[in-house]
Amino acid sequence: MAQTRFSRTRKTNGFVECEQESCPAVDDCYFYKKKGPDECCDKCIGCLYEGRHIDSGTEWTDPDDPCMHYKCVSGVVTRSEMKCYAPCSDPSPPRKGQCCPTCLGELRNIPTFAL
């Protein structure tokens, strides 16, 4: 359900006015919040993850474990773990912030994903 109505609200003399602007599309959203009396747009439900609100569609990597990837979609957080294949016999450990080890002197390092 794509929306192209209004976005910003402004209260004037006790009335809510919606200034014309595009609303965020909610057609890819499974769960959305209908606009309230003081709002102009429906909104896709985000996620609550570790006490923080995350907007739907947001993707992130765990800063403590770069092999863990997360995505928020319509109130649901999915987690995927990257598995690495190092095509050498003695790979060096992953660099800081990276998931996969590196093969020194070799050009290939192929990450694989497990869902």
N, C-alpha and C. Protein backbone atom coordinates (compact mmCIF):
# COMPACT_ATOMS: atom_id res chain seq x y z
N MET A 1 0.85 -1.16 0.00
CA MET A 1 0.00 0.00 0.00
C MET A 1 0.90 1.24 0.00
N ALA A 2 1.24 1.73 -1.17
CA ALA A 2 2.11 2.90 -1.26
C ALA A 2 1.33 4.15 -0.89
N GLN A 3 2.01 5.05 -0.23
CA GLN A 3 1.38 6.31 0.17
C GLN A 3 2.14 7.46 -0.45
N THR A 4 1.43 8.41 -0.95
CA THR A 4 2.07 9.63 -1.46
C THR A 4 1.24 10.82 -1.04
N ARG A 5 0.78 10.81 0.21
CA ARG A 5 -0.10 11.88 0.67
C ARG A 5 0.69 12.96 1.37
N PHE A 6 0.75 12.86 2.67
CA PHE A 6 1.32 13.93 3.48
C PHE A 6 2.29 13.36 4.49
N SER A 7 3.14 14.19 5.02
CA SER A 7 4.12 13.69 5.96
C SER A 7 4.24 14.55 7.21
N ARG A 8 4.52 15.81 7.07
CA ARG A 8 4.78 16.64 8.24
C ARG A 8 3.49 17.18 8.83
N THR A 9 3.46 17.23 10.16
CA THR A 9 2.27 17.78 10.82
C THR A 9 2.63 19.09 11.49
N ARG A 10 1.62 19.93 11.61
CA ARG A 10 1.80 21.20 12.27
C ARG A 10 0.47 21.52 12.95
N LYS A 11 0.53 21.90 14.21
CA LYS A 11 -0.68 22.28 14.92
C LYS A 11 -0.84 23.79 14.85
N THR A 12 -2.02 24.21 14.41
CA THR A 12 -2.34 25.63 14.33
C THR A 12 -3.72 25.84 14.93
N ASN A 13 -3.78 26.64 15.96
CA ASN A 13 -5.05 26.94 16.62
C ASN A 13 -5.81 25.67 17.02
N GLY A 14 -5.08 24.66 17.47
CA GLY A 14 -5.72 23.42 17.92
C GLY A 14 -6.04 22.44 16.82
N PHE A 15 -5.74 22.76 15.56
CA PHE A 15 -6.01 21.86 14.44
C PHE A 15 -4.70 21.28 13.92
N VAL A 16 -4.76 20.04 13.45
CA VAL A 16 -3.59 19.40 12.86
C VAL A 16 -3.60 19.67 11.36
N GLU A 17 -2.52 20.23 10.86
CA GLU A 17 -2.39 20.47 9.43
C GLU A 17 -1.28 19.58 8.89
N CYS A 18 -1.53 18.94 7.78
CA CYS A 18 -0.53 18.09 7.15
C CYS A 18 0.01 18.80 5.92
N GLU A 19 1.30 19.04 5.91
CA GLU A 19 1.92 19.68 4.76
C GLU A 19 2.17 18.62 3.70
N GLN A 20 1.93 18.96 2.45
CA GLN A 20 2.05 17.98 1.38
C GLN A 20 3.50 17.56 1.20
N GLU A 21 3.71 16.29 1.26
CA GLU A 21 5.02 15.68 1.11
C GLU A 21 4.78 14.18 1.00
N SER A 22 5.70 13.43 0.47
CA SER A 22 5.51 11.99 0.33
C SER A 22 5.64 11.29 1.67
N CYS A 23 4.72 10.38 1.93
CA CYS A 23 4.82 9.52 3.10
C CYS A 23 5.71 8.33 2.75
N PRO A 24 6.34 7.72 3.75
CA PRO A 24 7.12 6.51 3.47
C PRO A 24 6.19 5.41 2.98
N ALA A 25 6.62 4.66 1.98
CA ALA A 25 5.81 3.55 1.46
C ALA A 25 5.72 2.45 2.51
N VAL A 26 4.56 1.84 2.60
CA VAL A 26 4.38 0.72 3.53
C VAL A 26 3.98 -0.54 2.77
N ASP A 27 4.20 -0.57 1.43
CA ASP A 27 3.79 -1.72 0.65
C ASP A 27 4.64 -2.96 0.93
N ASP A 28 5.88 -2.82 1.38
CA ASP A 28 6.71 -3.97 1.74
C ASP A 28 6.56 -4.31 3.22
N CYS A 29 5.66 -3.67 3.89
CA CYS A 29 5.51 -3.81 5.33
C CYS A 29 4.37 -4.77 5.65
N TYR A 30 4.63 -5.72 6.54
CA TYR A 30 3.60 -6.67 6.94
C TYR A 30 2.75 -6.14 8.09
N PHE A 31 3.36 -5.37 8.96
CA PHE A 31 2.65 -4.80 10.10
C PHE A 31 2.90 -3.30 10.11
N TYR A 32 1.85 -2.54 10.04
CA TYR A 32 2.03 -1.10 10.10
C TYR A 32 1.01 -0.48 11.03
N LYS A 33 1.39 0.66 11.56
CA LYS A 33 0.56 1.41 12.49
C LYS A 33 -0.24 2.42 11.69
N LYS A 34 -1.55 2.35 11.83
CA LYS A 34 -2.40 3.33 11.16
C LYS A 34 -2.13 4.70 11.75
N LYS A 35 -2.28 5.72 10.93
CA LYS A 35 -2.03 7.08 11.40
C LYS A 35 -2.99 7.42 12.53
N GLY A 36 -2.48 8.13 13.50
CA GLY A 36 -3.28 8.59 14.63
C GLY A 36 -3.90 9.95 14.32
N PRO A 37 -4.66 10.49 15.26
CA PRO A 37 -5.33 11.77 15.02
C PRO A 37 -4.35 12.93 14.83
N ASP A 38 -3.14 12.82 15.37
CA ASP A 38 -2.15 13.89 15.22
C ASP A 38 -1.09 13.55 14.19
N GLU A 39 -1.34 12.56 13.34
CA GLU A 39 -0.36 12.12 12.35
C GLU A 39 -0.96 12.17 10.95
N CYS A 40 -0.10 12.21 9.95
CA CYS A 40 -0.56 12.28 8.57
C CYS A 40 -0.27 10.99 7.79
N CYS A 41 0.61 10.12 8.30
CA CYS A 41 1.02 8.94 7.55
C CYS A 41 0.91 7.67 8.39
N ASP A 42 0.61 6.55 7.71
CA ASP A 42 0.76 5.24 8.33
C ASP A 42 2.26 4.98 8.42
N LYS A 43 2.68 4.17 9.40
CA LYS A 43 4.10 3.89 9.58
C LYS A 43 4.33 2.40 9.74
N CYS A 44 5.40 1.91 9.13
CA CYS A 44 5.77 0.51 9.28
C CYS A 44 6.28 0.29 10.71
N ILE A 45 5.84 -0.80 11.32
CA ILE A 45 6.27 -1.12 12.68
C ILE A 45 7.75 -1.50 12.66
N GLY A 46 8.53 -0.89 13.51
CA GLY A 46 9.94 -1.22 13.62
C GLY A 46 10.14 -2.36 14.60
N CYS A 47 11.35 -2.54 15.06
CA CYS A 47 11.70 -3.62 15.98
C CYS A 47 12.23 -3.05 17.28
N LEU A 48 12.07 -3.81 18.33
CA LEU A 48 12.69 -3.49 19.61
C LEU A 48 13.78 -4.53 19.81
N TYR A 49 15.03 -4.09 19.82
CA TYR A 49 16.16 -5.01 19.94
C TYR A 49 17.10 -4.49 21.02
N GLU A 50 17.28 -5.31 22.05
CA GLU A 50 18.13 -4.96 23.19
C GLU A 50 17.77 -3.58 23.75
N GLY A 51 16.46 -3.32 23.84
CA GLY A 51 15.98 -2.07 24.44
C GLY A 51 16.00 -0.86 23.53
N ARG A 52 16.41 -1.04 22.28
CA ARG A 52 16.48 0.07 21.32
C ARG A 52 15.44 -0.12 20.22
N HIS A 53 14.85 0.99 19.77
CA HIS A 53 13.93 0.93 18.63
C HIS A 53 14.74 0.98 17.35
N ILE A 54 14.45 0.05 16.44
CA ILE A 54 15.13 -0.03 15.15
C ILE A 54 14.07 0.14 14.06
N ASP A 55 14.30 1.01 13.09
CA ASP A 55 13.36 1.20 11.98
C ASP A 55 13.32 -0.04 11.10
N SER A 56 12.13 -0.36 10.58
CA SER A 56 11.99 -1.48 9.67
C SER A 56 12.84 -1.24 8.43
N GLY A 57 13.52 -2.29 7.96
CA GLY A 57 14.40 -2.19 6.80
C GLY A 57 15.85 -1.97 7.17
N THR A 58 16.13 -1.71 8.46
CA THR A 58 17.50 -1.46 8.90
C THR A 58 18.28 -2.77 8.99
N GLU A 59 19.51 -2.76 8.50
CA GLU A 59 20.42 -3.91 8.61
C GLU A 59 21.65 -3.47 9.37
N TRP A 60 22.22 -4.37 10.17
CA TRP A 60 23.43 -4.04 10.91
C TRP A 60 24.22 -5.29 11.23
N THR A 61 25.50 -5.07 11.55
CA THR A 61 26.42 -6.13 11.94
C THR A 61 26.77 -5.93 13.40
N ASP A 62 26.87 -7.02 14.13
CA ASP A 62 27.22 -6.95 15.55
C ASP A 62 28.66 -6.43 15.67
N PRO A 63 28.87 -5.32 16.38
CA PRO A 63 30.23 -4.77 16.49
C PRO A 63 31.18 -5.70 17.24
N ASP A 64 30.65 -6.56 18.11
CA ASP A 64 31.49 -7.50 18.85
C ASP A 64 31.72 -8.81 18.10
N ASP A 65 30.90 -9.10 17.10
CA ASP A 65 31.03 -10.32 16.32
C ASP A 65 30.67 -10.01 14.86
N PRO A 66 31.66 -9.63 14.05
CA PRO A 66 31.38 -9.22 12.68
C PRO A 66 30.82 -10.33 11.79
N CYS A 67 30.75 -11.55 12.30
CA CYS A 67 30.14 -12.64 11.53
C CYS A 67 28.62 -12.67 11.68
N MET A 68 28.08 -11.90 12.63
CA MET A 68 26.64 -11.88 12.88
C MET A 68 26.01 -10.67 12.20
N HIS A 69 25.02 -10.93 11.37
CA HIS A 69 24.32 -9.87 10.61
C HIS A 69 22.85 -9.91 10.99
N TYR A 70 22.25 -8.74 11.20
CA TYR A 70 20.86 -8.63 11.64
C TYR A 70 20.07 -7.75 10.67
N LYS A 71 18.75 -7.99 10.62
CA LYS A 71 17.86 -7.16 9.81
C LYS A 71 16.51 -7.07 10.50
N CYS A 72 15.95 -5.86 10.54
CA CYS A 72 14.62 -5.62 11.10
C CYS A 72 13.64 -5.47 9.94
N VAL A 73 12.59 -6.29 9.94
CA VAL A 73 11.54 -6.19 8.93
C VAL A 73 10.19 -6.31 9.63
N SER A 74 9.44 -5.25 9.63
CA SER A 74 8.06 -5.24 10.16
C SER A 74 7.95 -5.84 11.55
N GLY A 75 8.82 -5.45 12.45
CA GLY A 75 8.72 -5.90 13.83
C GLY A 75 9.46 -7.19 14.13
N VAL A 76 10.09 -7.80 13.14
CA VAL A 76 10.79 -9.07 13.33
C VAL A 76 12.27 -8.88 13.02
N VAL A 77 13.14 -9.27 13.97
CA VAL A 77 14.58 -9.22 13.76
C VAL A 77 15.04 -10.60 13.32
N THR A 78 15.72 -10.66 12.18
CA THR A 78 16.32 -11.92 11.74
C THR A 78 17.83 -11.83 11.91
N ARG A 79 18.43 -12.96 12.20
CA ARG A 79 19.87 -13.02 12.43
C ARG A 79 20.46 -14.06 11.50
N SER A 80 21.55 -13.72 10.85
CA SER A 80 22.26 -14.68 10.02
C SER A 80 23.73 -14.63 10.40
N GLU A 81 24.35 -15.79 10.32
CA GLU A 81 25.76 -15.90 10.68
C GLU A 81 26.55 -16.25 9.43
N MET A 82 27.58 -15.46 9.17
CA MET A 82 28.43 -15.73 8.02
C MET A 82 29.44 -16.80 8.40
N LYS A 83 29.58 -17.79 7.54
CA LYS A 83 30.58 -18.84 7.71
C LYS A 83 31.62 -18.62 6.62
N CYS A 84 32.87 -18.80 6.96
CA CYS A 84 33.94 -18.51 6.01
C CYS A 84 34.63 -19.79 5.54
N TYR A 85 35.10 -19.73 4.32
CA TYR A 85 35.92 -20.80 3.76
C TYR A 85 37.23 -20.16 3.35
N ALA A 86 38.31 -20.64 3.90
CA ALA A 86 39.64 -20.13 3.54
C ALA A 86 40.33 -21.22 2.71
N PRO A 87 40.56 -20.97 1.43
CA PRO A 87 41.12 -22.00 0.54
C PRO A 87 42.63 -22.17 0.68
N CYS A 88 43.15 -21.97 1.88
CA CYS A 88 44.58 -22.18 2.10
C CYS A 88 44.75 -23.00 3.37
N SER A 89 45.93 -23.54 3.56
CA SER A 89 46.15 -24.43 4.70
C SER A 89 46.43 -23.69 6.00
N ASP A 90 46.93 -22.47 5.93
CA ASP A 90 47.28 -21.74 7.15
C ASP A 90 46.81 -20.28 7.06
N PRO A 91 45.48 -20.04 7.17
CA PRO A 91 44.99 -18.66 7.06
C PRO A 91 45.35 -17.83 8.28
N SER A 92 45.53 -16.53 8.05
CA SER A 92 45.77 -15.63 9.18
C SER A 92 44.41 -15.28 9.80
N PRO A 93 44.38 -14.96 11.10
CA PRO A 93 43.11 -14.64 11.76
C PRO A 93 42.44 -13.42 11.11
N PRO A 94 41.13 -13.29 11.28
CA PRO A 94 40.43 -12.13 10.71
C PRO A 94 40.98 -10.82 11.28
N ARG A 95 41.03 -9.81 10.43
CA ARG A 95 41.42 -8.48 10.90
C ARG A 95 40.31 -7.92 11.76
N LYS A 96 40.64 -6.92 12.57
CA LYS A 96 39.64 -6.30 13.44
C LYS A 96 38.47 -5.78 12.60
N GLY A 97 37.25 -6.14 13.01
CA GLY A 97 36.06 -5.70 12.31
C GLY A 97 35.67 -6.56 11.12
N GLN A 98 36.49 -7.58 10.81
CA GLN A 98 36.18 -8.48 9.71
C GLN A 98 35.85 -9.86 10.25
N CYS A 99 35.10 -10.62 9.48
CA CYS A 99 34.66 -11.94 9.92
C CYS A 99 35.61 -13.05 9.47
N CYS A 100 36.05 -12.98 8.24
CA CYS A 100 36.77 -14.11 7.65
C CYS A 100 38.29 -13.98 7.75
N PRO A 101 38.96 -15.13 7.91
CA PRO A 101 40.43 -15.11 7.90
C PRO A 101 40.93 -14.81 6.48
N THR A 102 42.20 -14.49 6.39
CA THR A 102 42.80 -14.14 5.11
C THR A 102 43.90 -15.12 4.77
N CYS A 103 43.96 -15.49 3.50
CA CYS A 103 45.04 -16.34 3.03
C CYS A 103 46.16 -15.43 2.53
N LEU A 104 47.28 -15.45 3.21
CA LEU A 104 48.41 -14.60 2.82
C LEU A 104 48.99 -15.08 1.50
N GLY A 105 49.22 -14.16 0.59
CA GLY A 105 49.80 -14.50 -0.70
C GLY A 105 48.82 -15.11 -1.67
N GLU A 106 47.58 -15.27 -1.26
CA GLU A 106 46.56 -15.83 -2.16
C GLU A 106 45.47 -14.79 -2.34
N LEU A 107 44.83 -14.79 -3.48
CA LEU A 107 43.84 -13.78 -3.80
C LEU A 107 42.43 -14.17 -3.42
N ARG A 108 42.19 -15.44 -3.12
CA ARG A 108 40.81 -15.88 -2.88
C ARG A 108 40.51 -15.97 -1.40
N ASN A 109 39.34 -15.54 -1.04
CA ASN A 109 38.78 -15.71 0.30
C ASN A 109 37.27 -15.63 0.11
N ILE A 110 36.60 -16.74 0.19
CA ILE A 110 35.19 -16.82 -0.20
C ILE A 110 34.31 -16.95 1.03
N PRO A 111 33.53 -15.90 1.36
CA PRO A 111 32.59 -16.03 2.49
C PRO A 111 31.34 -16.77 2.04
N THR A 112 30.77 -17.55 2.94
CA THR A 112 29.49 -18.21 2.69
C THR A 112 28.54 -17.82 3.80
N PHE A 113 27.26 -17.78 3.50
CA PHE A 113 26.26 -17.36 4.48
C PHE A 113 25.42 -18.55 4.91
N ALA A 114 25.11 -18.61 6.19
CA ALA A 114 24.20 -19.62 6.72
C ALA A 114 22.99 -18.89 7.27
N LEU A 115 21.81 -19.29 6.85
CA LEU A 115 20.59 -18.65 7.34
C LEU A 115 19.91 -19.53 8.35
